[in-house]
Amino acid sequence: YAGELLPTHQENGVWTRLIAGEMSGTRAGAKTHSPMFYAHAKLDARASMSLPNAYPERAAFVVSGTVTVDDREFTGGQMLVFAPGKDAVVSAVSPATVMILGGEPLGERYIEWNFVSSSRERIEQAKADWRAGRMKLPDLDHDEFIPLPPDPPPPANPMS
């Protein structure tokens, strides 16, 4: 997406670029399929920012620098997940780059091996497709095939 479709905002030592979704009354030009926000933020030392309370699921990934949340310190490479409905304030100890994101829950998700879906049937289809070689491997990572682990055995019958 061109830069003009990704709005920026700067205030009180915090610069943000909204990459997708809607945040603080501003909408990014990138198309989304559910209510959400995803933004790149740069904080000067001692600057603070609040994540939107409008979304029940919210998180921040610290790319670089050091930040505090609720008097706990976090550094680059850490993902912070915030409780729904509670204030989420990120404060920079040093200059920091943080990716902030959140949105509405997508519903129940099922995970098995490398497959994630909202449908157990779709996971079973993906397993069958993987076993049969019907899934295209990535162009630059197709030399090694990892077989799907076998299904776990059924639970034993309880003794009477």
C-alpha atoms as a PDB file:
ATOM      1  CA  TYR A   1       0.000   0.000   0.000  1.00  0.00           C
ATOM      2  CA  ALA A   2       1.195   3.494  -0.801  1.00  0.00           C
ATOM      3  CA  GLY A   3       2.230   5.694   2.115  1.00  0.00           C
ATOM      4  CA  GLU A   4      -0.768   8.010   1.773  1.00  0.00           C
ATOM      5  CA  LEU A   5      -3.076   5.049   2.500  1.00  0.00           C
ATOM      6  CA  LEU A   6      -1.271   4.416   5.807  1.00  0.00           C
ATOM      7  CA  PRO A   7      -1.936   7.455   8.001  1.00  0.00           C
ATOM      8  CA  THR A   8       0.629   8.733  10.491  1.00  0.00           C
ATOM      9  CA  HIS A   9       0.178  10.725  13.665  1.00  0.00           C
ATOM     10  CA  GLN A  10       2.698  12.378  15.975  1.00  0.00           C
ATOM     11  CA  GLU A  11       1.986  13.716  19.447  1.00  0.00           C
ATOM     12  CA  ASN A  12       3.803  13.950  22.795  1.00  0.00           C
ATOM     13  CA  GLY A  13       6.849  11.966  21.663  1.00  0.00           C
ATOM     14  CA  VAL A  14       4.858   9.178  20.015  1.00  0.00           C
ATOM     15  CA  TRP A  15       4.823   8.648  16.224  1.00  0.00           C
ATOM     16  CA  THR A  16       2.426   6.038  14.784  1.00  0.00           C
ATOM     17  CA  ARG A  17       1.700   4.687  11.319  1.00  0.00           C
ATOM     18  CA  LEU A  18      -1.614   2.852  11.088  1.00  0.00           C
ATOM     19  CA  ILE A  19      -0.991  -0.126   8.804  1.00  0.00           C
ATOM     20  CA  ALA A  20      -4.415  -1.755   8.909  1.00  0.00           C
ATOM     21  CA  GLY A  21      -7.787  -1.304  10.523  1.00  0.00           C
ATOM     22  CA  GLU A  22      -9.076   1.579  12.613  1.00  0.00           C
ATOM     23  CA  MET A  23      -7.591   3.305  15.628  1.00  0.00           C
ATOM     24  CA  SER A  24      -8.569   6.519  17.418  1.00  0.00           C
ATOM     25  CA  GLY A  25     -11.025   7.518  14.686  1.00  0.00           C
ATOM     26  CA  THR A  26      -8.518   7.023  11.851  1.00  0.00           C
ATOM     27  CA  ARG A  27      -8.794   4.242   9.254  1.00  0.00           C
ATOM     28  CA  ALA A  28      -5.957   2.802   7.166  1.00  0.00           C
ATOM     29  CA  GLY A  29      -6.506   2.200   3.446  1.00  0.00           C
ATOM     30  CA  ALA A  30      -5.554  -1.481   3.700  1.00  0.00           C
ATOM     31  CA  LYS A  31      -8.575  -3.779   3.370  1.00  0.00           C
ATOM     32  CA  THR A  32      -9.444  -5.851   6.440  1.00  0.00           C
ATOM     33  CA  HIS A  33     -12.042  -8.556   6.969  1.00  0.00           C
ATOM     34  CA  SER A  34     -12.769  -7.970  10.644  1.00  0.00           C
ATOM     35  CA  PRO A  35     -12.663  -5.057  13.107  1.00  0.00           C
ATOM     36  CA  MET A  36      -9.001  -4.606  14.059  1.00  0.00           C
ATOM     37  CA  PHE A  37      -5.970  -2.324  14.241  1.00  0.00           C
ATOM     38  CA  TYR A  38      -2.276  -2.833  13.471  1.00  0.00           C
ATOM     39  CA  ALA A  39       0.208   0.021  13.863  1.00  0.00           C
ATOM     40  CA  HIS A  40       3.928   0.774  13.932  1.00  0.00           C
ATOM     41  CA  ALA A  41       4.806   3.073  16.832  1.00  0.00           C
ATOM     42  CA  LYS A  42       8.019   4.880  17.758  1.00  0.00           C
ATOM     43  CA  LEU A  43       8.231   6.279  21.265  1.00  0.00           C
ATOM     44  CA  ASP A  44      10.782   8.775  22.526  1.00  0.00           C
ATOM     45  CA  ALA A  45      12.295   8.048  25.934  1.00  0.00           C
ATOM     46  CA  ARG A  46       9.702   8.734  28.680  1.00  0.00           C
ATOM     47  CA  ALA A  47       6.825   8.940  26.163  1.00  0.00           C
ATOM     48  CA  SER A  48       3.660   6.886  26.763  1.00  0.00           C
ATOM     49  CA  MET A  49       0.833   5.625  24.593  1.00  0.00           C
ATOM     50  CA  SER A  50      -2.487   3.951  25.320  1.00  0.00           C
ATOM     51  CA  LEU A  51      -3.785   1.114  23.178  1.00  0.00           C
ATOM     52  CA  PRO A  52      -7.411   1.467  22.032  1.00  0.00           C
ATOM     53  CA  ASN A  53      -9.949   0.096  24.518  1.00  0.00           C
ATOM     54  CA  ALA A  54     -12.499  -0.516  21.746  1.00  0.00           C
ATOM     55  CA  TYR A  55     -11.097  -3.984  20.988  1.00  0.00           C
ATOM     56  CA  PRO A  56     -11.225  -6.929  23.415  1.00  0.00           C
ATOM     57  CA  GLU A  57      -7.990  -8.469  22.088  1.00  0.00           C
ATOM     58  CA  ARG A  58      -4.893  -6.242  22.189  1.00  0.00           C
ATOM     59  CA  ALA A  59      -1.158  -6.794  22.201  1.00  0.00           C
ATOM     60  CA  ALA A  60       2.158  -5.024  21.695  1.00  0.00           C
ATOM     61  CA  PHE A  61       5.366  -6.479  20.276  1.00  0.00           C
ATOM     62  CA  VAL A  62       8.513  -4.678  21.418  1.00  0.00           C
ATOM     63  CA  VAL A  63      10.778  -4.452  18.368  1.00  0.00           C
ATOM     64  CA  SER A  64      13.557  -2.451  20.022  1.00  0.00           C
ATOM     65  CA  GLY A  65      14.220  -0.415  23.134  1.00  0.00           C
ATOM     66  CA  THR A  66      12.801  -0.847  26.591  1.00  0.00           C
ATOM     67  CA  VAL A  67       9.218  -0.180  27.689  1.00  0.00           C
ATOM     68  CA  THR A  68       7.248  -0.542  30.888  1.00  0.00           C
ATOM     69  CA  VAL A  69       3.675  -1.685  31.427  1.00  0.00           C
ATOM     70  CA  ASP A  70       2.253  -1.694  34.952  1.00  0.00           C
ATOM     71  CA  ASP A  71       5.770  -1.075  36.372  1.00  0.00           C
ATOM     72  CA  ARG A  72       7.174  -4.169  34.605  1.00  0.00           C
ATOM     73  CA  GLU A  73       9.987  -3.752  32.098  1.00  0.00           C
ATOM     74  CA  PHE A  74      10.055  -5.372  28.642  1.00  0.00           C
ATOM     75  CA  THR A  75      12.674  -5.327  25.873  1.00  0.00           C
ATOM     76  CA  GLY A  76      12.992  -6.181  22.186  1.00  0.00           C
ATOM     77  CA  GLY A  77      11.511  -9.509  21.114  1.00  0.00           C
ATOM     78  CA  GLN A  78       8.790  -9.651  23.779  1.00  0.00           C
ATOM     79  CA  MET A  79       5.052  -9.805  23.035  1.00  0.00           C
ATOM     80  CA  LEU A  80       2.707  -8.278  25.592  1.00  0.00           C
ATOM     81  CA  VAL A  81      -0.936  -9.388  25.685  1.00  0.00           C
ATOM     82  CA  PHE A  82      -3.414  -7.156  27.508  1.00  0.00           C
ATOM     83  CA  ALA A  83      -6.567  -8.116  29.402  1.00  0.00           C
ATOM     84  CA  PRO A  84      -9.850  -7.098  27.753  1.00  0.00           C
ATOM     85  CA  GLY A  85     -11.461  -3.914  29.043  1.00  0.00           C
ATOM     86  CA  LYS A  86      -8.468  -2.755  31.093  1.00  0.00           C
ATOM     87  CA  ASP A  87      -6.270   0.212  30.293  1.00  0.00           C
ATOM     88  CA  ALA A  88      -3.163  -0.746  28.325  1.00  0.00           C
ATOM     89  CA  VAL A  89      -0.459   1.922  28.579  1.00  0.00           C
ATOM     90  CA  VAL A  90       3.026   1.384  27.140  1.00  0.00           C
ATOM     91  CA  SER A  91       5.734   3.768  28.414  1.00  0.00           C
ATOM     92  CA  ALA A  92       9.214   4.013  26.914  1.00  0.00           C
ATOM     93  CA  VAL A  93      12.234   3.831  29.213  1.00  0.00           C
ATOM     94  CA  SER A  94      14.514   4.406  26.207  1.00  0.00           C
ATOM     95  CA  PRO A  95      13.594   5.205  22.602  1.00  0.00           C
ATOM     96  CA  ALA A  96      11.479   2.239  21.521  1.00  0.00           C
ATOM     97  CA  THR A  97       9.791   0.771  18.465  1.00  0.00           C
ATOM     98  CA  VAL A  98       6.625  -1.179  19.165  1.00  0.00           C
ATOM     99  CA  MET A  99       4.075  -2.884  16.915  1.00  0.00           C
ATOM    100  CA  ILE A 100       0.604  -2.615  18.415  1.00  0.00           C
ATOM    101  CA  LEU A 101      -2.315  -4.726  17.308  1.00  0.00           C
ATOM    102  CA  GLY A 102      -5.722  -5.942  18.303  1.00  0.00           C
ATOM    103  CA  GLY A 103      -9.249  -6.585  17.243  1.00  0.00           C
ATOM    104  CA  GLU A 104     -12.408  -8.552  17.694  1.00  0.00           C
ATOM    105  CA  PRO A 105     -12.096 -12.283  18.431  1.00  0.00           C
ATOM    106  CA  LEU A 106     -12.427 -14.425  15.323  1.00  0.00           C
ATOM    107  CA  GLY A 107     -14.194 -17.234  17.151  1.00  0.00           C
ATOM    108  CA  GLU A 108     -12.973 -20.583  18.351  1.00  0.00           C
ATOM    109  CA  ARG A 109      -9.796 -21.820  16.648  1.00  0.00           C
ATOM    110  CA  TYR A 110      -8.511 -25.387  16.426  1.00  0.00           C
ATOM    111  CA  ILE A 111      -4.821 -26.217  16.174  1.00  0.00           C
ATOM    112  CA  GLU A 112      -3.259 -29.485  15.107  1.00  0.00           C
ATOM    113  CA  TRP A 113       0.372 -29.748  14.099  1.00  0.00           C
ATOM    114  CA  ASN A 114       0.920 -26.813  11.669  1.00  0.00           C
ATOM    115  CA  PHE A 115      -2.764 -26.357  10.838  1.00  0.00           C
ATOM    116  CA  VAL A 116      -5.050 -23.725  12.386  1.00  0.00           C
ATOM    117  CA  SER A 117      -8.713 -23.344  11.464  1.00  0.00           C
ATOM    118  CA  SER A 118     -12.115 -22.455  12.835  1.00  0.00           C
ATOM    119  CA  SER A 119     -13.333 -25.800  11.496  1.00  0.00           C
ATOM    120  CA  ARG A 120     -12.250 -29.267  12.628  1.00  0.00           C
ATOM    121  CA  GLU A 121     -13.393 -30.580   9.229  1.00  0.00           C
ATOM    122  CA  ARG A 122     -11.038 -28.170   7.440  1.00  0.00           C
ATOM    123  CA  ILE A 123      -8.132 -29.408   9.562  1.00  0.00           C
ATOM    124  CA  GLU A 124      -8.944 -33.017   8.618  1.00  0.00           C
ATOM    125  CA  GLN A 125      -9.016 -31.972   4.928  1.00  0.00           C
ATOM    126  CA  ALA A 126      -5.674 -30.182   5.308  1.00  0.00           C
ATOM    127  CA  LYS A 127      -4.146 -33.282   6.898  1.00  0.00           C
ATOM    128  CA  ALA A 128      -5.392 -35.429   4.005  1.00  0.00           C
ATOM    129  CA  ASP A 129      -4.080 -32.893   1.463  1.00  0.00           C
ATOM    130  CA  TRP A 130      -0.667 -32.784   3.188  1.00  0.00           C
ATOM    131  CA  ARG A 131      -0.376 -36.567   3.298  1.00  0.00           C
ATOM    132  CA  ALA A 132      -1.359 -36.825  -0.396  1.00  0.00           C
ATOM    133  CA  GLY A 133       1.109 -34.109  -1.469  1.00  0.00           C
ATOM    134  CA  ARG A 134      -1.637 -31.754  -2.696  1.00  0.00           C
ATOM    135  CA  MET A 135      -0.257 -28.721  -0.822  1.00  0.00           C
ATOM    136  CA  LYS A 136       2.226 -26.574  -2.693  1.00  0.00           C
ATOM    137  CA  LEU A 137       5.405 -26.060  -0.717  1.00  0.00           C
ATOM    138  CA  PRO A 138       7.055 -22.606  -0.644  1.00  0.00           C
ATOM    139  CA  ASP A 139       9.172 -21.861  -3.721  1.00  0.00           C
ATOM    140  CA  LEU A 140      12.361 -21.348  -1.710  1.00  0.00           C
ATOM    141  CA  ASP A 141      11.699 -24.069   0.865  1.00  0.00           C
ATOM    142  CA  HIS A 142      10.507 -27.147  -1.023  1.00  0.00           C
ATOM    143  CA  ASP A 143      13.478 -29.538  -0.786  1.00  0.00           C
ATOM    144  CA  GLU A 144      12.541 -31.061   2.558  1.00  0.00           C
ATOM    145  CA  PHE A 145       9.177 -32.677   3.243  1.00  0.00           C
ATOM    146  CA  ILE A 146       8.197 -33.265   6.857  1.00  0.00           C
ATOM    147  CA  PRO A 147       5.572 -35.990   7.170  1.00  0.00           C
ATOM    148  CA  LEU A 148       2.490 -35.366   9.250  1.00  0.00           C
ATOM    149  CA  PRO A 149       2.790 -37.053  12.649  1.00  0.00           C
ATOM    150  CA  PRO A 150       0.376 -39.964  13.132  1.00  0.00           C
ATOM    151  CA  ASP A 151      -2.918 -39.378  14.894  1.00  0.00           C
ATOM    152  CA  PRO A 152      -2.773 -40.201  18.598  1.00  0.00           C
ATOM    153  CA  PRO A 153      -4.253 -43.559  19.582  1.00  0.00           C
ATOM    154  CA  PRO A 154      -7.807 -43.535  20.966  1.00  0.00           C
ATOM    155  CA  PRO A 155      -8.069 -43.486  24.759  1.00  0.00           C
ATOM    156  CA  ALA A 156      -8.149 -46.863  26.463  1.00  0.00           C
ATOM    157  CA  ASN A 157     -11.495 -48.148  27.704  1.00  0.00           C
ATOM    158  CA  PRO A 158     -11.846 -47.639  31.454  1.00  0.00           C
ATOM    159  CA  MET A 159     -11.764 -50.781  33.534  1.00  0.00           C
ATOM    160  CA  SER A 160     -14.962 -51.713  35.301  1.00  0.00           C
END
